[in-house]
């Protein structure tokens, strides 16, 4: 995962995507003593008070408070936290929701192209940010999912800041800076969609899935080099040497693409894998299961 530099969080809630923002301070207790505070942005998703933000490494998402109008700490209930993406959903008490607008316009981050204009500060809409690329690797390491790199004209935006496309649709959340203070990584909106389905199913802990294959990350092509026994892949007929062409209808071109696609797998949901075996193209239905590391 990208290097993180904060361990206690304060959050600014968006009053509206089209008006001046209203702020509240939310603090996550640090997982270690002496952790430094940092600010992040939170967005209200529904009338139940569901707040989405990013709790970076070092913050304890189970211990969050927000200051009310009297300056008193109000505890927030953790709805779900994803340890992979660090996206976190919290329940904002009804007493703290007054004047906050619910964000409902969601877009598609995969349609963002290099050079596309995006808005990362709704109070300064004339300060346009630009998409640089979709990022699969950082400092030589493959990321657990694909991020969006964005250039911003006036410096780093807080973690969790909503990123809007030209249609004012929410397409990503600022994650953290790159090597430059004016370049940042953003978490795609699809990650939120993925985590929300766990909430809908009544699950409070995000658990990544797997199918039981090994792949060569140094190979330009997404080639399977091993299939473990008694796993979803073995049961579906996946074999060593198969080349993955698409997962759930989405083309994959290399190993990082497969890693990203695996993040979105759902346990128990049959998923179509399009593979190349020799000169034969095949479609296999694989039923993912929760990764043993998270059981």
C-alpha atoms as a PDB file:
ATOM      1  CA  UNK A   1       0.000   0.000   0.000  1.00  0.00           C
ATOM      2  CA  UNK A   2       1.154   3.570  -0.574  1.00  0.00           C
ATOM      3  CA  UNK A   3       3.187   5.078   2.236  1.00  0.00           C
ATOM      4  CA  UNK A   4       1.011   6.949   4.705  1.00  0.00           C
ATOM      5  CA  UNK A   5       2.049   9.743   6.963  1.00  0.00           C
ATOM      6  CA  UNK A   6      -0.766  10.371   9.438  1.00  0.00           C
ATOM      7  CA  UNK A   7      -2.287   8.463  12.330  1.00  0.00           C
ATOM      8  CA  UNK A   8      -5.037  10.628  13.831  1.00  0.00           C
ATOM      9  CA  UNK A   9      -7.771  12.020  11.593  1.00  0.00           C
ATOM     10  CA  UNK A  10      -9.927  15.123  11.582  1.00  0.00           C
ATOM     11  CA  UNK A  11     -12.700  15.302   9.014  1.00  0.00           C
ATOM     12  CA  UNK A  12     -14.384  18.143   7.184  1.00  0.00           C
ATOM     13  CA  UNK A  13     -17.932  17.287   6.101  1.00  0.00           C
ATOM     14  CA  UNK A  14     -19.216  18.683   2.838  1.00  0.00           C
ATOM     15  CA  UNK A  15     -22.302  20.825   3.324  1.00  0.00           C
ATOM     16  CA  UNK A  16     -22.949  20.666  -0.409  1.00  0.00           C
ATOM     17  CA  UNK A  17     -21.026  19.900  -3.552  1.00  0.00           C
ATOM     18  CA  UNK A  18     -22.199  23.201  -4.976  1.00  0.00           C
ATOM     19  CA  UNK A  19     -21.857  25.545  -1.988  1.00  0.00           C
ATOM     20  CA  UNK A  20     -19.390  26.542   0.694  1.00  0.00           C
ATOM     21  CA  UNK A  21     -18.352  23.603   2.805  1.00  0.00           C
ATOM     22  CA  UNK A  22     -19.332  23.242   6.435  1.00  0.00           C
ATOM     23  CA  UNK A  23     -16.710  21.612   8.597  1.00  0.00           C
ATOM     24  CA  UNK A  24     -16.714  19.376  11.639  1.00  0.00           C
ATOM     25  CA  UNK A  25     -13.684  17.811  13.247  1.00  0.00           C
ATOM     26  CA  UNK A  26     -13.489  14.052  13.591  1.00  0.00           C
ATOM     27  CA  UNK A  27     -10.579  12.372  15.321  1.00  0.00           C
ATOM     28  CA  UNK A  28      -9.488   8.758  15.030  1.00  0.00           C
ATOM     29  CA  UNK A  29      -7.457   7.500  17.955  1.00  0.00           C
ATOM     30  CA  UNK A  30      -4.007   6.401  16.904  1.00  0.00           C
ATOM     31  CA  UNK A  31      -3.122   2.727  17.029  1.00  0.00           C
ATOM     32  CA  UNK A  32       0.099   3.826  18.722  1.00  0.00           C
ATOM     33  CA  UNK A  33       0.818   6.445  21.335  1.00  0.00           C
ATOM     34  CA  UNK A  34       1.948   9.882  20.271  1.00  0.00           C
ATOM     35  CA  UNK A  35       0.336   9.762  16.832  1.00  0.00           C
ATOM     36  CA  UNK A  36       0.102  13.068  15.001  1.00  0.00           C
ATOM     37  CA  UNK A  37      -3.275  14.483  13.976  1.00  0.00           C
ATOM     38  CA  UNK A  38      -4.244  15.019  10.358  1.00  0.00           C
ATOM     39  CA  UNK A  39      -7.235  16.370   8.500  1.00  0.00           C
ATOM     40  CA  UNK A  40      -9.392  14.529   5.997  1.00  0.00           C
ATOM     41  CA  UNK A  41     -12.681  15.084   4.225  1.00  0.00           C
ATOM     42  CA  UNK A  42     -15.907  13.202   4.845  1.00  0.00           C
ATOM     43  CA  UNK A  43     -18.952  12.951   2.578  1.00  0.00           C
ATOM     44  CA  UNK A  44     -22.501  12.166   3.663  1.00  0.00           C
ATOM     45  CA  UNK A  45     -24.009   9.348   1.597  1.00  0.00           C
ATOM     46  CA  UNK A  46     -27.567   8.837   2.876  1.00  0.00           C
ATOM     47  CA  UNK A  47     -30.239   9.923   5.342  1.00  0.00           C
ATOM     48  CA  UNK A  48     -28.995   7.311   7.818  1.00  0.00           C
ATOM     49  CA  UNK A  49     -25.925   9.421   8.442  1.00  0.00           C
ATOM     50  CA  UNK A  50     -23.453   7.190   6.613  1.00  0.00           C
ATOM     51  CA  UNK A  51     -20.211   9.087   6.230  1.00  0.00           C
ATOM     52  CA  UNK A  52     -17.433   7.987   3.920  1.00  0.00           C
ATOM     53  CA  UNK A  53     -13.808   8.867   4.533  1.00  0.00           C
ATOM     54  CA  UNK A  54     -10.340   7.343   4.414  1.00  0.00           C
ATOM     55  CA  UNK A  55      -8.640   6.164   7.605  1.00  0.00           C
ATOM     56  CA  UNK A  56      -5.022   5.802   6.637  1.00  0.00           C
ATOM     57  CA  UNK A  57      -2.596   3.405   8.278  1.00  0.00           C
ATOM     58  CA  UNK A  58      -2.015   4.376  11.886  1.00  0.00           C
ATOM     59  CA  UNK A  59      -5.583   5.430  12.657  1.00  0.00           C
ATOM     60  CA  UNK A  60      -7.990   3.302  14.662  1.00  0.00           C
ATOM     61  CA  UNK A  61     -11.309   3.427  12.748  1.00  0.00           C
ATOM     62  CA  UNK A  62     -13.131   1.910  15.726  1.00  0.00           C
ATOM     63  CA  UNK A  63     -12.367   4.927  17.912  1.00  0.00           C
ATOM     64  CA  UNK A  64     -13.693   8.041  16.227  1.00  0.00           C
ATOM     65  CA  UNK A  65     -15.234  11.175  17.730  1.00  0.00           C
ATOM     66  CA  UNK A  66     -16.577  14.436  16.352  1.00  0.00           C
ATOM     67  CA  UNK A  67     -16.877  17.773  18.090  1.00  0.00           C
ATOM     68  CA  UNK A  68     -20.434  19.061  18.427  1.00  0.00           C
ATOM     69  CA  UNK A  69     -21.488  22.721  18.539  1.00  0.00           C
ATOM     70  CA  UNK A  70     -20.588  22.885  22.235  1.00  0.00           C
ATOM     71  CA  UNK A  71     -17.101  21.536  21.617  1.00  0.00           C
ATOM     72  CA  UNK A  72     -17.935  18.187  23.200  1.00  0.00           C
ATOM     73  CA  UNK A  73     -16.725  14.881  21.795  1.00  0.00           C
ATOM     74  CA  UNK A  74     -19.451  12.757  20.201  1.00  0.00           C
ATOM     75  CA  UNK A  75     -18.572   9.126  19.448  1.00  0.00           C
ATOM     76  CA  UNK A  76     -19.144   7.820  15.939  1.00  0.00           C
ATOM     77  CA  UNK A  77     -20.157   4.267  15.193  1.00  0.00           C
ATOM     78  CA  UNK A  78     -17.998   2.317  12.793  1.00  0.00           C
ATOM     79  CA  UNK A  79     -20.092   0.852   9.985  1.00  0.00           C
ATOM     80  CA  UNK A  80     -17.286  -0.851   8.063  1.00  0.00           C
ATOM     81  CA  UNK A  81     -13.581  -0.449   7.403  1.00  0.00           C
ATOM     82  CA  UNK A  82     -11.664  -1.890   4.472  1.00  0.00           C
ATOM     83  CA  UNK A  83      -8.061  -2.639   5.513  1.00  0.00           C
ATOM     84  CA  UNK A  84      -7.003  -2.924   1.874  1.00  0.00           C
ATOM     85  CA  UNK A  85      -8.186   0.410   0.474  1.00  0.00           C
ATOM     86  CA  UNK A  86      -8.506   2.100   3.907  1.00  0.00           C
ATOM     87  CA  UNK A  87     -11.939   3.411   2.959  1.00  0.00           C
ATOM     88  CA  UNK A  88     -14.106   3.747   6.061  1.00  0.00           C
ATOM     89  CA  UNK A  89     -17.834   4.221   6.613  1.00  0.00           C
ATOM     90  CA  UNK A  90     -18.998   5.780   9.867  1.00  0.00           C
ATOM     91  CA  UNK A  91     -22.420   6.658  11.227  1.00  0.00           C
ATOM     92  CA  UNK A  92     -22.822  10.357  11.939  1.00  0.00           C
ATOM     93  CA  UNK A  93     -25.305  11.026  14.780  1.00  0.00           C
ATOM     94  CA  UNK A  94     -28.538  12.708  13.707  1.00  0.00           C
ATOM     95  CA  UNK A  95     -27.724  15.700  15.906  1.00  0.00           C
ATOM     96  CA  UNK A  96     -24.664  16.398  13.743  1.00  0.00           C
ATOM     97  CA  UNK A  97     -26.316  16.040  10.315  1.00  0.00           C
ATOM     98  CA  UNK A  98     -28.204  19.318  10.233  1.00  0.00           C
ATOM     99  CA  UNK A  99     -27.303  21.409   7.201  1.00  0.00           C
ATOM    100  CA  UNK A 100     -25.359  18.622   5.489  1.00  0.00           C
ATOM    101  CA  UNK A 101     -26.338  17.576   1.985  1.00  0.00           C
ATOM    102  CA  UNK A 102     -26.394  13.969   0.814  1.00  0.00           C
ATOM    103  CA  UNK A 103     -24.240  13.181  -2.207  1.00  0.00           C
ATOM    104  CA  UNK A 104     -26.065  10.931  -4.670  1.00  0.00           C
ATOM    105  CA  UNK A 105     -24.466  11.596  -8.083  1.00  0.00           C
ATOM    106  CA  UNK A 106     -21.932   8.830  -8.674  1.00  0.00           C
ATOM    107  CA  UNK A 107     -19.815   8.526 -11.801  1.00  0.00           C
ATOM    108  CA  UNK A 108     -17.365   6.037 -13.325  1.00  0.00           C
ATOM    109  CA  UNK A 109     -13.665   6.465 -12.608  1.00  0.00           C
ATOM    110  CA  UNK A 110     -12.678   4.046 -15.377  1.00  0.00           C
ATOM    111  CA  UNK A 111     -13.829   6.622 -17.927  1.00  0.00           C
ATOM    112  CA  UNK A 112     -11.338   9.212 -16.694  1.00  0.00           C
ATOM    113  CA  UNK A 113      -8.653   9.881 -19.299  1.00  0.00           C
ATOM    114  CA  UNK A 114      -5.268  11.606 -18.941  1.00  0.00           C
ATOM    115  CA  UNK A 115      -5.794  15.345 -19.128  1.00  0.00           C
ATOM    116  CA  UNK A 116      -9.444  15.226 -18.048  1.00  0.00           C
ATOM    117  CA  UNK A 117     -10.480  18.077 -15.778  1.00  0.00           C
ATOM    118  CA  UNK A 118     -11.699  17.194 -12.281  1.00  0.00           C
ATOM    119  CA  UNK A 119     -12.739  19.278  -9.291  1.00  0.00           C
ATOM    120  CA  UNK A 120     -11.168  18.634  -5.899  1.00  0.00           C
ATOM    121  CA  UNK A 121     -12.240  21.850  -4.179  1.00  0.00           C
ATOM    122  CA  UNK A 122     -15.909  22.786  -4.564  1.00  0.00           C
ATOM    123  CA  UNK A 123     -15.277  26.201  -3.065  1.00  0.00           C
ATOM    124  CA  UNK A 124     -12.763  27.014  -5.831  1.00  0.00           C
ATOM    125  CA  UNK A 125     -14.246  25.482  -8.928  1.00  0.00           C
ATOM    126  CA  UNK A 126     -12.063  27.634 -11.196  1.00  0.00           C
ATOM    127  CA  UNK A 127      -8.985  25.814  -9.888  1.00  0.00           C
ATOM    128  CA  UNK A 128      -9.168  22.759 -12.121  1.00  0.00           C
ATOM    129  CA  UNK A 129      -7.184  19.629 -11.363  1.00  0.00           C
ATOM    130  CA  UNK A 130      -6.145  17.207 -14.121  1.00  0.00           C
ATOM    131  CA  UNK A 131      -6.029  13.441 -14.361  1.00  0.00           C
ATOM    132  CA  UNK A 132      -2.510  12.152 -15.021  1.00  0.00           C
ATOM    133  CA  UNK A 133      -3.053   8.408 -15.250  1.00  0.00           C
ATOM    134  CA  UNK A 134      -4.475   5.257 -13.707  1.00  0.00           C
ATOM    135  CA  UNK A 135      -1.777   3.890 -11.415  1.00  0.00           C
ATOM    136  CA  UNK A 136      -1.069   0.183 -10.964  1.00  0.00           C
ATOM    137  CA  UNK A 137       2.421   0.357  -9.480  1.00  0.00           C
ATOM    138  CA  UNK A 138       4.187   2.689  -7.076  1.00  0.00           C
ATOM    139  CA  UNK A 139       7.911   2.721  -6.366  1.00  0.00           C
ATOM    140  CA  UNK A 140       8.230  -0.588  -8.203  1.00  0.00           C
ATOM    141  CA  UNK A 141       5.512  -2.331  -6.182  1.00  0.00           C
ATOM    142  CA  UNK A 142       2.177  -3.526  -7.501  1.00  0.00           C
ATOM    143  CA  UNK A 143      -0.709  -1.791  -5.739  1.00  0.00           C
ATOM    144  CA  UNK A 144      -3.611  -3.836  -4.307  1.00  0.00           C
ATOM    145  CA  UNK A 145      -5.972  -1.932  -6.588  1.00  0.00           C
ATOM    146  CA  UNK A 146      -5.712   0.703  -9.302  1.00  0.00           C
ATOM    147  CA  UNK A 147      -5.533   4.343  -8.159  1.00  0.00           C
ATOM    148  CA  UNK A 148      -5.924   7.576 -10.128  1.00  0.00           C
ATOM    149  CA  UNK A 149      -3.048  10.041 -10.182  1.00  0.00           C
ATOM    150  CA  UNK A 150      -4.133  13.695 -10.247  1.00  0.00           C
ATOM    151  CA  UNK A 151      -2.248  16.980 -10.579  1.00  0.00           C
ATOM    152  CA  UNK A 152      -3.646  19.819  -8.470  1.00  0.00           C
ATOM    153  CA  UNK A 153      -2.738  23.511  -8.968  1.00  0.00           C
ATOM    154  CA  UNK A 154      -2.457  24.674  -5.357  1.00  0.00           C
ATOM    155  CA  UNK A 155      -1.111  21.772  -3.353  1.00  0.00           C
ATOM    156  CA  UNK A 156      -2.321  18.642  -1.598  1.00  0.00           C
ATOM    157  CA  UNK A 157      -5.988  18.184  -0.773  1.00  0.00           C
ATOM    158  CA  UNK A 158      -6.957  16.346   2.397  1.00  0.00           C
ATOM    159  CA  UNK A 159      -7.435  12.581   2.363  1.00  0.00           C
ATOM    160  CA  UNK A 160     -11.047  11.727   1.591  1.00  0.00           C
ATOM    161  CA  UNK A 161     -11.637  14.868  -0.476  1.00  0.00           C
ATOM    162  CA  UNK A 162     -14.308  14.086  -3.099  1.00  0.00           C
ATOM    163  CA  UNK A 163     -13.139  14.231  -6.714  1.00  0.00           C
ATOM    164  CA  UNK A 164     -15.823  15.296  -9.204  1.00  0.00           C
ATOM    165  CA  UNK A 165     -15.825  14.872 -12.966  1.00  0.00           C
ATOM    166  CA  UNK A 166     -17.080  17.430 -15.513  1.00  0.00           C
ATOM    167  CA  UNK A 167     -20.666  16.315 -14.825  1.00  0.00           C
ATOM    168  CA  UNK A 168     -20.289  16.963 -11.097  1.00  0.00           C
ATOM    169  CA  UNK A 169     -20.404  13.227 -10.463  1.00  0.00           C
ATOM    170  CA  UNK A 170     -18.360  11.749  -7.635  1.00  0.00           C
ATOM    171  CA  UNK A 171     -15.633   9.615  -9.238  1.00  0.00           C
ATOM    172  CA  UNK A 172     -12.908   9.280  -6.597  1.00  0.00           C
ATOM    173  CA  UNK A 173     -11.557  10.322  -3.198  1.00  0.00           C
ATOM    174  CA  UNK A 174      -8.160  11.867  -2.595  1.00  0.00           C
ATOM    175  CA  UNK A 175      -5.974   9.296  -0.867  1.00  0.00           C
ATOM    176  CA  UNK A 176      -2.556  10.862  -0.361  1.00  0.00           C
ATOM    177  CA  UNK A 177       0.164  12.820  -2.052  1.00  0.00           C
ATOM    178  CA  UNK A 178       2.746  11.455  -4.461  1.00  0.00           C
ATOM    179  CA  UNK A 179       6.342  12.655  -4.333  1.00  0.00           C
ATOM    180  CA  UNK A 180       5.153  16.164  -5.206  1.00  0.00           C
ATOM    181  CA  UNK A 181       2.824  18.250  -3.034  1.00  0.00           C
ATOM    182  CA  UNK A 182       0.813  19.028  -6.167  1.00  0.00           C
ATOM    183  CA  UNK A 183       0.388  15.431  -7.301  1.00  0.00           C
ATOM    184  CA  UNK A 184      -1.886  13.032  -5.455  1.00  0.00           C
ATOM    185  CA  UNK A 185      -3.375   9.572  -5.625  1.00  0.00           C
ATOM    186  CA  UNK A 186      -7.127   9.139  -5.563  1.00  0.00           C
ATOM    187  CA  UNK A 187      -9.178   6.096  -4.632  1.00  0.00           C
ATOM    188  CA  UNK A 188     -11.736   5.244  -7.373  1.00  0.00           C
ATOM    189  CA  UNK A 189     -15.454   5.479  -6.559  1.00  0.00           C
ATOM    190  CA  UNK A 190     -15.870   1.806  -7.449  1.00  0.00           C
ATOM    191  CA  UNK A 191     -14.116   0.939  -4.184  1.00  0.00           C
ATOM    192  CA  UNK A 192     -16.935   2.625  -2.261  1.00  0.00           C
ATOM    193  CA  UNK A 193     -19.510   0.697  -4.297  1.00  0.00           C
ATOM    194  CA  UNK A 194     -17.681  -2.530  -3.517  1.00  0.00           C
ATOM    195  CA  UNK A 195     -17.569  -1.856   0.236  1.00  0.00           C
ATOM    196  CA  UNK A 196     -21.215  -0.719   0.380  1.00  0.00           C
ATOM    197  CA  UNK A 197     -22.424  -4.115  -0.814  1.00  0.00           C
ATOM    198  CA  UNK A 198     -20.911  -5.661   2.324  1.00  0.00           C
ATOM    199  CA  UNK A 199     -22.928  -3.200   4.410  1.00  0.00           C
ATOM    200  CA  UNK A 200     -26.064  -4.066   2.467  1.00  0.00           C
ATOM    201  CA  UNK A 201     -25.448  -7.728   3.245  1.00  0.00           C
ATOM    202  CA  UNK A 202     -25.156  -6.923   6.943  1.00  0.00           C
ATOM    203  CA  UNK A 203     -21.409  -7.559   7.081  1.00  0.00           C
ATOM    204  CA  UNK A 204     -19.335  -5.228   9.238  1.00  0.00           C
ATOM    205  CA  UNK A 205     -15.902  -6.418   8.147  1.00  0.00           C
ATOM    206  CA  UNK A 206     -14.578  -6.243   4.604  1.00  0.00           C
ATOM    207  CA  UNK A 207     -13.016  -9.550   3.557  1.00  0.00           C
ATOM    208  CA  UNK A 208     -11.106  -9.863   0.261  1.00  0.00           C
ATOM    209  CA  UNK A 209     -11.665 -12.934  -1.893  1.00  0.00           C
ATOM    210  CA  UNK A 210      -9.411 -15.288  -3.802  1.00  0.00           C
ATOM    211  CA  UNK A 211      -9.670 -18.198  -6.236  1.00  0.00           C
ATOM    212  CA  UNK A 212      -6.422 -20.027  -5.393  1.00  0.00           C
ATOM    213  CA  UNK A 213      -4.034 -19.279  -8.249  1.00  0.00           C
ATOM    214  CA  UNK A 214      -0.427 -18.128  -8.455  1.00  0.00           C
ATOM    215  CA  UNK A 215       0.800 -15.755 -11.143  1.00  0.00           C
ATOM    216  CA  UNK A 216       4.157 -14.430 -12.291  1.00  0.00           C
ATOM    217  CA  UNK A 217       4.180 -10.692 -11.578  1.00  0.00           C
ATOM    218  CA  UNK A 218       7.287 -10.267 -13.747  1.00  0.00           C
ATOM    219  CA  UNK A 219       5.573 -11.664 -16.837  1.00  0.00           C
ATOM    220  CA  UNK A 220       4.065  -9.076 -19.186  1.00  0.00           C
ATOM    221  CA  UNK A 221       1.091 -11.374 -19.748  1.00  0.00           C
ATOM    222  CA  UNK A 222      -1.274 -12.470 -16.925  1.00  0.00           C
ATOM    223  CA  UNK A 223      -0.182 -16.120 -16.970  1.00  0.00           C
ATOM    224  CA  UNK A 224      -1.246 -18.571 -14.273  1.00  0.00           C
ATOM    225  CA  UNK A 225       1.759 -20.514 -12.991  1.00  0.00           C
ATOM    226  CA  UNK A 226       0.013 -22.555 -10.324  1.00  0.00           C
ATOM    227  CA  UNK A 227      -3.433 -23.694  -9.166  1.00  0.00           C
ATOM    228  CA  UNK A 228      -3.870 -24.873  -5.596  1.00  0.00           C
ATOM    229  CA  UNK A 229      -5.889 -28.012  -4.894  1.00  0.00           C
ATOM    230  CA  UNK A 230      -9.428 -27.793  -3.513  1.00  0.00           C
ATOM    231  CA  UNK A 231      -9.798 -24.119  -4.485  1.00  0.00           C
ATOM    232  CA  UNK A 232     -12.365 -22.259  -6.593  1.00  0.00           C
ATOM    233  CA  UNK A 233      -9.972 -22.119  -9.552  1.00  0.00           C
ATOM    234  CA  UNK A 234      -9.224 -25.848  -9.433  1.00  0.00           C
ATOM    235  CA  UNK A 235     -12.929 -26.655  -9.124  1.00  0.00           C
ATOM    236  CA  UNK A 236     -13.698 -24.497 -12.170  1.00  0.00           C
ATOM    237  CA  UNK A 237     -11.066 -26.196 -14.332  1.00  0.00           C
ATOM    238  CA  UNK A 238      -8.437 -23.443 -14.393  1.00  0.00           C
ATOM    239  CA  UNK A 239      -5.023 -24.864 -15.300  1.00  0.00           C
ATOM    240  CA  UNK A 240      -1.371 -23.931 -15.080  1.00  0.00           C
ATOM    241  CA  UNK A 241      -0.348 -22.021 -18.208  1.00  0.00           C
ATOM    242  CA  UNK A 242      -3.768 -20.420 -18.752  1.00  0.00           C
ATOM    243  CA  UNK A 243      -3.630 -16.752 -19.751  1.00  0.00           C
ATOM    244  CA  UNK A 244      -6.343 -14.572 -18.241  1.00  0.00           C
ATOM    245  CA  UNK A 245      -8.006 -12.346 -20.851  1.00  0.00           C
ATOM    246  CA  UNK A 246     -10.970 -10.965 -18.914  1.00  0.00           C
ATOM    247  CA  UNK A 247     -12.599 -11.193 -15.489  1.00  0.00           C
ATOM    248  CA  UNK A 248     -16.316 -10.551 -15.122  1.00  0.00           C
ATOM    249  CA  UNK A 249     -16.386  -9.015 -18.593  1.00  0.00           C
ATOM    250  CA  UNK A 250     -13.507  -6.606 -17.931  1.00  0.00           C
ATOM    251  CA  UNK A 251     -10.362  -7.042 -20.019  1.00  0.00           C
ATOM    252  CA  UNK A 252      -7.085  -7.617 -18.188  1.00  0.00           C
ATOM    253  CA  UNK A 253      -3.781  -6.980 -19.890  1.00  0.00           C
ATOM    254  CA  UNK A 254      -1.233  -7.696 -17.186  1.00  0.00           C
ATOM    255  CA  UNK A 255      -0.768  -8.953 -13.639  1.00  0.00           C
ATOM    256  CA  UNK A 256      -1.685  -5.619 -11.963  1.00  0.00           C
ATOM    257  CA  UNK A 257      -4.985  -5.666 -13.885  1.00  0.00           C
ATOM    258  CA  UNK A 258      -5.704  -9.095 -12.409  1.00  0.00           C
ATOM    259  CA  UNK A 259      -4.831  -7.899  -8.894  1.00  0.00           C
ATOM    260  CA  UNK A 260      -7.264  -5.005  -9.300  1.00  0.00           C
ATOM    261  CA  UNK A 261     -10.006  -7.298 -10.618  1.00  0.00           C
ATOM    262  CA  UNK A 262      -9.481  -9.728  -7.724  1.00  0.00           C
ATOM    263  CA  UNK A 263     -10.152  -6.903  -5.256  1.00  0.00           C
ATOM    264  CA  UNK A 264     -13.728  -6.685  -6.582  1.00  0.00           C
ATOM    265  CA  UNK A 265     -14.485 -10.415  -6.468  1.00  0.00           C
ATOM    266  CA  UNK A 266     -17.504 -11.407  -4.389  1.00  0.00           C
ATOM    267  CA  UNK A 267     -17.561 -14.574  -2.299  1.00  0.00           C
ATOM    268  CA  UNK A 268     -20.124 -17.055  -3.593  1.00  0.00           C
ATOM    269  CA  UNK A 269     -20.865 -15.098  -6.760  1.00  0.00           C
ATOM    270  CA  UNK A 270     -20.058 -17.014  -9.979  1.00  0.00           C
ATOM    271  CA  UNK A 271     -17.603 -14.935 -11.979  1.00  0.00           C
ATOM    272  CA  UNK A 272     -16.739 -15.509 -15.613  1.00  0.00           C
ATOM    273  CA  UNK A 273     -13.041 -15.867 -16.397  1.00  0.00           C
ATOM    274  CA  UNK A 274     -12.134 -15.639 -20.073  1.00  0.00           C
ATOM    275  CA  UNK A 275      -8.878 -17.467 -20.607  1.00  0.00           C
ATOM    276  CA  UNK A 276      -6.530 -18.469 -23.395  1.00  0.00           C
ATOM    277  CA  UNK A 277      -5.300 -22.068 -23.246  1.00  0.00           C
ATOM    278  CA  UNK A 278      -2.893 -22.702 -26.059  1.00  0.00           C
ATOM    279  CA  UNK A 279      -4.849 -21.445 -29.065  1.00  0.00           C
ATOM    280  CA  UNK A 280      -8.265 -22.053 -27.519  1.00  0.00           C
ATOM    281  CA  UNK A 281     -10.310 -19.322 -25.879  1.00  0.00           C
ATOM    282  CA  UNK A 282     -12.479 -20.570 -23.008  1.00  0.00           C
ATOM    283  CA  UNK A 283     -14.975 -19.114 -20.547  1.00  0.00           C
ATOM    284  CA  UNK A 284     -14.927 -20.646 -17.081  1.00  0.00           C
ATOM    285  CA  UNK A 285     -17.289 -19.871 -14.224  1.00  0.00           C
ATOM    286  CA  UNK A 286     -15.331 -19.460 -10.992  1.00  0.00           C
ATOM    287  CA  UNK A 287     -16.994 -19.044  -7.604  1.00  0.00           C
ATOM    288  CA  UNK A 288     -14.625 -17.005  -5.368  1.00  0.00           C
ATOM    289  CA  UNK A 289     -14.347 -17.539  -1.637  1.00  0.00           C
ATOM    290  CA  UNK A 290     -13.026 -15.402   1.199  1.00  0.00           C
ATOM    291  CA  UNK A 291      -9.250 -15.299   1.240  1.00  0.00           C
ATOM    292  CA  UNK A 292      -8.021 -17.701   3.965  1.00  0.00           C
ATOM    293  CA  UNK A 293      -5.922 -14.871   5.391  1.00  0.00           C
ATOM    294  CA  UNK A 294      -9.128 -13.020   6.312  1.00  0.00           C
ATOM    295  CA  UNK A 295     -11.245 -15.904   7.573  1.00  0.00           C
END
